[in-house]
Amino acid sequence: GTSTYYTDSVKGRFTISRDNAKSTVYLQMNSL
């Protein structure tokens, strides 16, 4: 979870994160 990478078109708007304890990955999408 320490490294992330985004395609240029979503940089600054989308955020990927994960919670390993919950076995879940998220994608927060803003300014859609």
Full PDB file with SEQRES, HELIX, SHEET, SSBOND, CRYST1, ORIGX, SCALE, CONECT and MASTER records, all heavy atoms in Angstrom:
SEQRES   1 A   32  GLY THR SER THR TYR TYR THR ASP SER VAL LYS GLY ARG          
SEQRES   2 A   32  PHE THR ILE SER ARG ASP ASN ALA LYS SER THR VAL TYR          
SEQRES   3 A   32  LEU GLN MET ASN SER LEU                                      
HELIX    1 AA1 ASP A    8  VAL A   10  5                                   3    
HELIX    2 AA2 ASN A   20  LYS A   22  5                                   3    
SHEET    1 AA1 2 PHE A  14  ASP A  19  0                                        
SHEET    2 AA1 2 THR A  24  MET A  29 -1                                        
CRYST1    1.000    1.000    1.000  90.00  90.00  90.00 P 1           1          
ORIGX1      1.000000  0.000000  0.000000        0.00000                         
ORIGX2      0.000000  1.000000  0.000000        0.00000                         
ORIGX3      0.000000  0.000000  1.000000        0.00000                         
SCALE1      1.000000  0.000000  0.000000        0.00000                         
SCALE2      0.000000  1.000000  0.000000        0.00000                         
SCALE3      0.000000  0.000000  1.000000        0.00000                         
ATOM      1  N   GLY A   1       0.796  -1.221   0.000  1.00  0.00           N  
ATOM      2  CA  GLY A   1       0.000   0.000   0.000  1.00  0.00           C  
ATOM      3  C   GLY A   1       0.827   1.267   0.000  1.00  0.00           C  
ATOM      4  O   GLY A   1       0.276   2.364  -0.015  1.00  0.00           O  
ATOM      5  N   THR A   2       2.142   1.118  -0.026  1.00  0.00           N  
ATOM      6  CA  THR A   2       3.001   2.298   0.060  1.00  0.00           C  
ATOM      7  C   THR A   2       3.248   2.965  -1.284  1.00  0.00           C  
ATOM      8  O   THR A   2       3.683   4.114  -1.342  1.00  0.00           O  
ATOM      9  CB  THR A   2       4.358   1.921   0.658  1.00  0.00           C  
ATOM     10  OG1 THR A   2       4.946   0.872  -0.133  1.00  0.00           O  
ATOM     11  CG2 THR A   2       4.199   1.435   2.094  1.00  0.00           C  
ATOM     12  N   SER A   3       2.988   2.234  -2.368  1.00  0.00           N  
ATOM     13  CA  SER A   3       3.210   2.791  -3.707  1.00  0.00           C  
ATOM     14  C   SER A   3       1.921   2.762  -4.512  1.00  0.00           C  
ATOM     15  O   SER A   3       1.168   1.783  -4.459  1.00  0.00           O  
ATOM     16  CB  SER A   3       4.269   1.986  -4.447  1.00  0.00           C  
ATOM     17  OG  SER A   3       5.496   1.988  -3.764  1.00  0.00           O  
ATOM     18  N   THR A   4       1.693   3.841  -5.239  1.00  0.00           N  
ATOM     19  CA  THR A   4       0.532   3.928  -6.111  1.00  0.00           C  
ATOM     20  C   THR A   4       0.954   4.508  -7.457  1.00  0.00           C  
ATOM     21  O   THR A   4       1.991   5.177  -7.561  1.00  0.00           O  
ATOM     22  CB  THR A   4      -0.587   4.793  -5.519  1.00  0.00           C  
ATOM     23  OG1 THR A   4      -0.063   6.115  -5.266  1.00  0.00           O  
ATOM     24  CG2 THR A   4      -1.109   4.204  -4.215  1.00  0.00           C  
ATOM     25  N   TYR A   5       0.118   4.264  -8.454  1.00  0.00           N  
ATOM     26  CA  TYR A   5       0.416   4.801  -9.791  1.00  0.00           C  
ATOM     27  C   TYR A   5      -0.903   5.017 -10.510  1.00  0.00           C  
ATOM     28  O   TYR A   5      -1.835   4.217 -10.350  1.00  0.00           O  
ATOM     29  CB  TYR A   5       1.288   3.820 -10.569  1.00  0.00           C  
ATOM     30  CG  TYR A   5       1.820   4.380 -11.864  1.00  0.00           C  
ATOM     31  CD1 TYR A   5       2.924   5.225 -11.867  1.00  0.00           C  
ATOM     32  CD2 TYR A   5       1.218   4.069 -13.086  1.00  0.00           C  
ATOM     33  CE1 TYR A   5       3.405   5.751 -13.055  1.00  0.00           C  
ATOM     34  CE2 TYR A   5       1.686   4.593 -14.266  1.00  0.00           C  
ATOM     35  CZ  TYR A   5       2.785   5.427 -14.246  1.00  0.00           C  
ATOM     36  OH  TYR A   5       3.254   5.952 -15.421  1.00  0.00           O  
ATOM     37  N   TYR A   6      -0.975   6.101 -11.283  1.00  0.00           N  
ATOM     38  CA  TYR A   6      -2.218   6.477 -11.951  1.00  0.00           C  
ATOM     39  C   TYR A   6      -1.974   6.792 -13.427  1.00  0.00           C  
ATOM     40  O   TYR A   6      -0.909   7.301 -13.800  1.00  0.00           O  
ATOM     41  CB  TYR A   6      -2.825   7.710 -11.290  1.00  0.00           C  
ATOM     42  CG  TYR A   6      -3.122   7.555  -9.829  1.00  0.00           C  
ATOM     43  CD1 TYR A   6      -2.166   7.858  -8.869  1.00  0.00           C  
ATOM     44  CD2 TYR A   6      -4.357   7.087  -9.401  1.00  0.00           C  
ATOM     45  CE1 TYR A   6      -2.428   7.705  -7.512  1.00  0.00           C  
ATOM     46  CE2 TYR A   6      -4.634   6.936  -8.053  1.00  0.00           C  
ATOM     47  CZ  TYR A   6      -3.672   7.242  -7.117  1.00  0.00           C  
ATOM     48  OH  TYR A   6      -3.946   7.084  -5.786  1.00  0.00           O  
ATOM     49  N   THR A   7      -2.979   6.533 -14.224  1.00  0.00           N  
ATOM     50  CA  THR A   7      -2.913   7.023 -15.587  1.00  0.00           C  
ATOM     51  C   THR A   7      -3.073   8.533 -15.559  1.00  0.00           C  
ATOM     52  O   THR A   7      -3.704   9.098 -14.637  1.00  0.00           O  
ATOM     53  CB  THR A   7      -4.000   6.369 -16.446  1.00  0.00           C  
ATOM     54  OG1 THR A   7      -3.756   6.633 -17.827  1.00  0.00           O  
ATOM     55  CG2 THR A   7      -5.394   6.861 -16.071  1.00  0.00           C  
ATOM     56  N   ASP A   8      -2.489   9.214 -16.527  1.00  0.00           N  
ATOM     57  CA  ASP A   8      -2.433  10.676 -16.489  1.00  0.00           C  
ATOM     58  C   ASP A   8      -3.809  11.326 -16.389  1.00  0.00           C  
ATOM     59  O   ASP A   8      -3.978  12.354 -15.719  1.00  0.00           O  
ATOM     60  CB  ASP A   8      -1.714  11.203 -17.732  1.00  0.00           C  
ATOM     61  CG  ASP A   8      -0.211  10.974 -17.675  1.00  0.00           C  
ATOM     62  OD1 ASP A   8       0.292  10.670 -16.582  1.00  0.00           O  
ATOM     63  OD2 ASP A   8       0.445  11.090 -18.725  1.00  0.00           O  
ATOM     64  N   SER A   9      -4.789  10.750 -17.039  1.00  0.00           N  
ATOM     65  CA  SER A   9      -6.106  11.396 -17.108  1.00  0.00           C  
ATOM     66  C   SER A   9      -6.838  11.444 -15.775  1.00  0.00           C  
ATOM     67  O   SER A   9      -7.805  12.196 -15.631  1.00  0.00           O  
ATOM     68  CB  SER A   9      -6.980  10.702 -18.149  1.00  0.00           C  
ATOM     69  OG  SER A   9      -7.214   9.353 -17.785  1.00  0.00           O  
ATOM     70  N   VAL A  10      -6.386  10.663 -14.786  1.00  0.00           N  
ATOM     71  CA  VAL A  10      -7.081  10.658 -13.486  1.00  0.00           C  
ATOM     72  C   VAL A  10      -6.220  11.197 -12.357  1.00  0.00           C  
ATOM     73  O   VAL A  10      -6.697  11.322 -11.227  1.00  0.00           O  
ATOM     74  CB  VAL A  10      -7.589   9.244 -13.126  1.00  0.00           C  
ATOM     75  CG1 VAL A  10      -8.409   8.658 -14.261  1.00  0.00           C  
ATOM     76  CG2 VAL A  10      -6.463   8.311 -12.719  1.00  0.00           C  
ATOM     77  N   LYS A  11      -4.971  11.528 -12.649  1.00  0.00           N  
ATOM     78  CA  LYS A  11      -4.078  12.039 -11.605  1.00  0.00           C  
ATOM     79  C   LYS A  11      -4.665  13.300 -10.982  1.00  0.00           C  
ATOM     80  O   LYS A  11      -5.132  14.197 -11.673  1.00  0.00           O  
ATOM     81  CB  LYS A  11      -2.703  12.334 -12.189  1.00  0.00           C  
ATOM     82  CG  LYS A  11      -1.868  11.098 -12.446  1.00  0.00           C  
ATOM     83  CD  LYS A  11      -0.502  11.467 -13.020  1.00  0.00           C  
ATOM     84  CE  LYS A  11       0.322  10.208 -13.286  1.00  0.00           C  
ATOM     85  NZ  LYS A  11       1.631  10.542 -13.915  1.00  0.00           N  
ATOM     86  N   GLY A  12      -4.629  13.356  -9.665  1.00  0.00           N  
ATOM     87  CA  GLY A  12      -5.165  14.497  -8.952  1.00  0.00           C  
ATOM     88  C   GLY A  12      -6.658  14.420  -8.702  1.00  0.00           C  
ATOM     89  O   GLY A  12      -7.202  15.226  -7.928  1.00  0.00           O  
ATOM     90  N   ARG A  13      -7.340  13.458  -9.328  1.00  0.00           N  
ATOM     91  CA  ARG A  13      -8.791  13.305  -9.135  1.00  0.00           C  
ATOM     92  C   ARG A  13      -9.146  11.975  -8.472  1.00  0.00           C  
ATOM     93  O   ARG A  13     -10.091  11.911  -7.696  1.00  0.00           O  
ATOM     94  CB  ARG A  13      -9.509  13.410 -10.480  1.00  0.00           C  
ATOM     95  CG  ARG A  13      -9.304  14.715 -11.219  1.00  0.00           C  
ATOM     96  CD  ARG A  13     -10.209  14.811 -12.443  1.00  0.00           C  
ATOM     97  NE  ARG A  13      -9.938  13.771 -13.427  1.00  0.00           N  
ATOM     98  CZ  ARG A  13     -10.853  12.903 -13.870  1.00  0.00           C  
ATOM     99  NH1 ARG A  13     -12.082  12.940 -13.399  1.00  0.00           N  
ATOM    100  NH2 ARG A  13     -10.528  11.985 -14.786  1.00  0.00           N  
ATOM    101  N   PHE A  14      -8.418  10.925  -8.794  1.00  0.00           N  
ATOM    102  CA  PHE A  14      -8.694   9.592  -8.257  1.00  0.00           C  
ATOM    103  C   PHE A  14      -7.629   9.216  -7.236  1.00  0.00           C  
ATOM    104  O   PHE A  14      -6.458   9.588  -7.368  1.00  0.00           O  
ATOM    105  CB  PHE A  14      -8.697   8.546  -9.372  1.00  0.00           C  
ATOM    106  CG  PHE A  14      -9.839   8.625 -10.341  1.00  0.00           C  
ATOM    107  CD1 PHE A  14     -10.703   9.712 -10.365  1.00  0.00           C  
ATOM    108  CD2 PHE A  14     -10.048   7.599 -11.239  1.00  0.00           C  
ATOM    109  CE1 PHE A  14     -11.761   9.784 -11.272  1.00  0.00           C  
ATOM    110  CE2 PHE A  14     -11.090   7.638 -12.157  1.00  0.00           C  
ATOM    111  CZ  PHE A  14     -11.946   8.739 -12.167  1.00  0.00           C  
ATOM    112  N   THR A  15      -8.042   8.432  -6.243  1.00  0.00           N  
ATOM    113  CA  THR A  15      -7.114   7.916  -5.243  1.00  0.00           C  
ATOM    114  C   THR A  15      -7.392   6.440  -5.008  1.00  0.00           C  
ATOM    115  O   THR A  15      -8.533   6.062  -4.688  1.00  0.00           O  
ATOM    116  CB  THR A  15      -7.243   8.675  -3.925  1.00  0.00           C  
ATOM    117  OG1 THR A  15      -7.002  10.068  -4.140  1.00  0.00           O  
ATOM    118  CG2 THR A  15      -6.228   8.152  -2.902  1.00  0.00           C  
ATOM    119  N   ILE A  16      -6.364   5.629  -5.166  1.00  0.00           N  
ATOM    120  CA  ILE A  16      -6.484   4.208  -4.876  1.00  0.00           C  
ATOM    121  C   ILE A  16      -5.919   3.953  -3.491  1.00  0.00           C  
ATOM    122  O   ILE A  16      -4.919   4.550  -3.092  1.00  0.00           O  
ATOM    123  CB  ILE A  16      -5.753   3.353  -5.939  1.00  0.00           C  
ATOM    124  CG1 ILE A  16      -6.033   1.869  -5.719  1.00  0.00           C  
ATOM    125  CG2 ILE A  16      -4.259   3.646  -5.954  1.00  0.00           C  
ATOM    126  CD1 ILE A  16      -5.506   0.986  -6.862  1.00  0.00           C  
ATOM    127  N   SER A  17      -6.578   3.072  -2.747  1.00  0.00           N  
ATOM    128  CA  SER A  17      -6.104   2.713  -1.416  1.00  0.00           C  
ATOM    129  C   SER A  17      -6.522   1.277  -1.127  1.00  0.00           C  
ATOM    130  O   SER A  17      -7.324   0.701  -1.865  1.00  0.00           O  
ATOM    131  CB  SER A  17      -6.670   3.662  -0.363  1.00  0.00           C  
ATOM    132  OG  SER A  17      -8.089   3.592  -0.327  1.00  0.00           O  
ATOM    133  N   ARG A  18      -5.979   0.726  -0.058  1.00  0.00           N  
ATOM    134  CA  ARG A  18      -6.341  -0.641   0.298  1.00  0.00           C  
ATOM    135  C   ARG A  18      -6.357  -0.800   1.799  1.00  0.00           C  
ATOM    136  O   ARG A  18      -5.624  -0.103   2.520  1.00  0.00           O  
ATOM    137  CB  ARG A  18      -5.386  -1.647  -0.343  1.00  0.00           C  
ATOM    138  CG  ARG A  18      -3.960  -1.582   0.150  1.00  0.00           C  
ATOM    139  CD  ARG A  18      -3.043  -2.467  -0.698  1.00  0.00           C  
ATOM    140  NE  ARG A  18      -3.394  -3.878  -0.622  1.00  0.00           N  
ATOM    141  CZ  ARG A  18      -2.997  -4.786  -1.498  1.00  0.00           C  
ATOM    142  NH1 ARG A  18      -2.270  -4.427  -2.547  1.00  0.00           N  
ATOM    143  NH2 ARG A  18      -3.330  -6.063  -1.348  1.00  0.00           N  
ATOM    144  N   ASP A  19      -7.169  -1.728   2.249  1.00  0.00           N  
ATOM    145  CA  ASP A  19      -7.232  -2.099   3.655  1.00  0.00           C  
ATOM    146  C   ASP A  19      -7.014  -3.607   3.696  1.00  0.00           C  
ATOM    147  O   ASP A  19      -7.947  -4.379   3.426  1.00  0.00           O  
ATOM    148  CB  ASP A  19      -8.584  -1.714   4.256  1.00  0.00           C  
ATOM    149  CG  ASP A  19      -8.654  -1.981   5.744  1.00  0.00           C  
ATOM    150  OD1 ASP A  19      -7.881  -2.827   6.255  1.00  0.00           O  
ATOM    151  OD2 ASP A  19      -9.477  -1.345   6.411  1.00  0.00           O  
ATOM    152  N   ASN A  20      -5.810  -4.017   3.975  1.00  0.00           N  
ATOM    153  CA  ASN A  20      -5.490  -5.451   3.930  1.00  0.00           C  
ATOM    154  C   ASN A  20      -6.245  -6.243   5.001  1.00  0.00           C  
ATOM    155  O   ASN A  20      -6.542  -7.418   4.812  1.00  0.00           O  
ATOM    156  CB  ASN A  20      -3.981  -5.656   4.065  1.00  0.00           C  
ATOM    157  CG  ASN A  20      -3.238  -5.262   2.794  1.00  0.00           C  
ATOM    158  OD1 ASN A  20      -3.829  -5.151   1.714  1.00  0.00           O  
ATOM    159  ND2 ASN A  20      -1.933  -5.062   2.914  1.00  0.00           N  
ATOM    160  N   ALA A  21      -6.549  -5.598   6.100  1.00  0.00           N  
ATOM    161  CA  ALA A  21      -7.305  -6.281   7.153  1.00  0.00           C  
ATOM    162  C   ALA A  21      -8.727  -6.610   6.711  1.00  0.00           C  
ATOM    163  O   ALA A  21      -9.322  -7.581   7.174  1.00  0.00           O  
ATOM    164  CB  ALA A  21      -7.337  -5.428   8.414  1.00  0.00           C  
ATOM    165  N   LYS A  22      -9.257  -5.792   5.800  1.00  0.00           N  
ATOM    166  CA  LYS A  22     -10.603  -6.013   5.276  1.00  0.00           C  
ATOM    167  C   LYS A  22     -10.596  -6.655   3.901  1.00  0.00           C  
ATOM    168  O   LYS A  22     -11.651  -6.846   3.287  1.00  0.00           O  
ATOM    169  CB  LYS A  22     -11.372  -4.684   5.211  1.00  0.00           C  
ATOM    170  CG  LYS A  22     -11.625  -4.055   6.569  1.00  0.00           C  
ATOM    171  CD  LYS A  22     -12.441  -2.773   6.427  1.00  0.00           C  
ATOM    172  CE  LYS A  22     -12.740  -2.184   7.797  1.00  0.00           C  
ATOM    173  NZ  LYS A  22     -13.532  -0.923   7.691  1.00  0.00           N  
ATOM    174  N   SER A  23      -9.405  -6.968   3.392  1.00  0.00           N  
ATOM    175  CA  SER A  23      -9.269  -7.584   2.061  1.00  0.00           C  
ATOM    176  C   SER A  23     -10.006  -6.774   0.994  1.00  0.00           C  
ATOM    177  O   SER A  23     -10.723  -7.319   0.134  1.00  0.00           O  
ATOM    178  CB  SER A  23      -9.804  -9.029   2.070  1.00  0.00           C  
ATOM    179  OG  SER A  23      -9.075  -9.836   2.965  1.00  0.00           O  
ATOM    180  N   THR A  24      -9.820  -5.472   1.041  1.00  0.00           N  
ATOM    181  CA  THR A  24     -10.564  -4.575   0.158  1.00  0.00           C  
ATOM    182  C   THR A  24      -9.644  -3.499  -0.419  1.00  0.00           C  
ATOM    183  O   THR A  24      -8.782  -2.970   0.289  1.00  0.00           O  
ATOM    184  CB  THR A  24     -11.724  -3.905   0.910  1.00  0.00           C  
ATOM    185  OG1 THR A  24     -12.595  -4.921   1.433  1.00  0.00           O  
ATOM    186  CG2 THR A  24     -12.524  -3.002  -0.014  1.00  0.00           C  
ATOM    187  N   VAL A  25      -9.868  -3.208  -1.685  1.00  0.00           N  
ATOM    188  CA  VAL A  25      -9.195  -2.092  -2.342  1.00  0.00           C  
ATOM    189  C   VAL A  25     -10.265  -1.092  -2.765  1.00  0.00           C  
ATOM    190  O   VAL A  25     -11.384  -1.475  -3.113  1.00  0.00           O  
ATOM    191  CB  VAL A  25      -8.353  -2.568  -3.546  1.00  0.00           C  
ATOM    192  CG1 VAL A  25      -9.207  -3.192  -4.629  1.00  0.00           C  
ATOM    193  CG2 VAL A  25      -7.510  -1.430  -4.105  1.00  0.00           C  
ATOM    194  N   TYR A  26      -9.906   0.189  -2.716  1.00  0.00           N  
ATOM    195  CA  TYR A  26     -10.859   1.259  -2.993  1.00  0.00           C  
ATOM    196  C   TYR A  26     -10.361   2.143  -4.129  1.00  0.00           C  
ATOM    197  O   TYR A  26      -9.161   2.230  -4.397  1.00  0.00           O  
ATOM    198  CB  TYR A  26     -11.063   2.125  -1.751  1.00  0.00           C  
ATOM    199  CG  TYR A  26     -11.479   1.371  -0.524  1.00  0.00           C  
ATOM    200  CD1 TYR A  26     -10.532   0.972   0.423  1.00  0.00           C  
ATOM    201  CD2 TYR A  26     -12.809   1.046  -0.288  1.00  0.00           C  
ATOM    202  CE1 TYR A  26     -10.902   0.276   1.566  1.00  0.00           C  
ATOM    203  CE2 TYR A  26     -13.194   0.357   0.852  1.00  0.00           C  
ATOM    204  CZ  TYR A  26     -12.232  -0.020   1.771  1.00  0.00           C  
ATOM    205  OH  TYR A  26     -12.614  -0.717   2.894  1.00  0.00           O  
ATOM    206  N   LEU A  27     -11.306   2.807  -4.768  1.00  0.00           N  
ATOM    207  CA  LEU A  27     -10.966   3.837  -5.741  1.00  0.00           C  
ATOM    208  C   LEU A  27     -11.883   5.018  -5.466  1.00  0.00           C  
ATOM    209  O   LEU A  27     -13.084   4.960  -5.758  1.00  0.00           O  
ATOM    210  CB  LEU A  27     -11.135   3.348  -7.175  1.00  0.00           C  
ATOM    211  CG  LEU A  27     -10.662   4.336  -8.240  1.00  0.00           C  
ATOM    212  CD1 LEU A  27      -9.137   4.502  -8.166  1.00  0.00           C  
ATOM    213  CD2 LEU A  27     -11.071   3.881  -9.644  1.00  0.00           C  
ATOM    214  N   GLN A  28     -11.316   6.062  -4.873  1.00  0.00           N  
ATOM    215  CA  GLN A  28     -12.064   7.296  -4.632  1.00  0.00           C  
ATOM    216  C   GLN A  28     -11.956   8.149  -5.883  1.00  0.00           C  
ATOM    217  O   GLN A  28     -10.853   8.480  -6.313  1.00  0.00           O  
ATOM    218  CB  GLN A  28     -11.486   8.038  -3.428  1.00  0.00           C  
ATOM    219  CG  GLN A  28     -12.160   9.368  -3.146  1.00  0.00           C  
ATOM    220  CD  GLN A  28     -13.596   9.212  -2.699  1.00  0.00           C  
ATOM    221  OE1 GLN A  28     -13.911   8.358  -1.881  1.00  0.00           O  
ATOM    222  NE2 GLN A  28     -14.481  10.041  -3.232  1.00  0.00           N  
ATOM    223  N   MET A  29     -13.095   8.497  -6.436  1.00  0.00           N  
ATOM    224  CA  MET A  29     -13.120   9.259  -7.678  1.00  0.00           C  
ATOM    225  C   MET A  29     -13.806  10.595  -7.441  1.00  0.00           C  
ATOM    226  O   MET A  29     -14.997  10.635  -7.108  1.00  0.00           O  
ATOM    227  CB  MET A  29     -13.857   8.461  -8.764  1.00  0.00           C  
ATOM    228  CG  MET A  29     -13.297   7.064  -8.990  1.00  0.00           C  
ATOM    229  SD  MET A  29     -14.064   6.197 -10.365  1.00  0.00           S  
ATOM    230  CE  MET A  29     -15.740   6.061  -9.777  1.00  0.00           C  
ATOM    231  N   ASN A  30     -13.066  11.666  -7.596  1.00  0.00           N  
ATOM    232  CA  ASN A  30     -13.580  13.017  -7.413  1.00  0.00           C  
ATOM    233  C   ASN A  30     -13.538  13.779  -8.726  1.00  0.00           C  
ATOM    234  O   ASN A  30     -12.855  13.375  -9.668  1.00  0.00           O  
ATOM    235  CB  ASN A  30     -12.751  13.758  -6.361  1.00  0.00           C  
ATOM    236  CG  ASN A  30     -12.804  13.091  -4.997  1.00  0.00           C  
ATOM    237  OD1 ASN A  30     -13.801  12.469  -4.622  1.00  0.00           O  
ATOM    238  ND2 ASN A  30     -11.720  13.218  -4.248  1.00  0.00           N  
ATOM    239  N   SER A  31     -14.260  14.875  -8.790  1.00  0.00           N  
ATOM    240  CA  SER A  31     -14.280  15.730  -9.982  1.00  0.00           C  
ATOM    241  C   SER A  31     -14.524  14.903 -11.237  1.00  0.00           C  
ATOM    242  O   SER A  31     -13.815  15.049 -12.250  1.00  0.00           O  
ATOM    243  CB  SER A  31     -12.959  16.498 -10.097  1.00  0.00           C  
ATOM    244  OG  SER A  31     -12.728  17.280  -8.942  1.00  0.00           O  
ATOM    245  N   LEU A  32     -15.522  14.061 -11.171  1.00  0.00           N  
ATOM    246  CA  LEU A  32     -15.784  13.152 -12.281  1.00  0.00           C  
ATOM    247  C   LEU A  32     -16.204  13.894 -13.537  1.00  0.00           C  
ATOM    248  O   LEU A  32     -16.860  14.938 -13.471  1.00  0.00           O  
ATOM    249  CB  LEU A  32     -16.855  12.135 -11.882  1.00  0.00           C  
ATOM    250  CG  LEU A  32     -16.341  11.003 -10.983  1.00  0.00           C  
ATOM    251  CD1 LEU A  32     -17.479  10.306 -10.266  1.00  0.00           C  
ATOM    252  CD2 LEU A  32     -15.548  10.003 -11.805  1.00  0.00           C  
TER     253      LEU A  32                                                      
MASTER        0    0    0    2    2    0    0    6  252    1    0    3          
END                                                                             
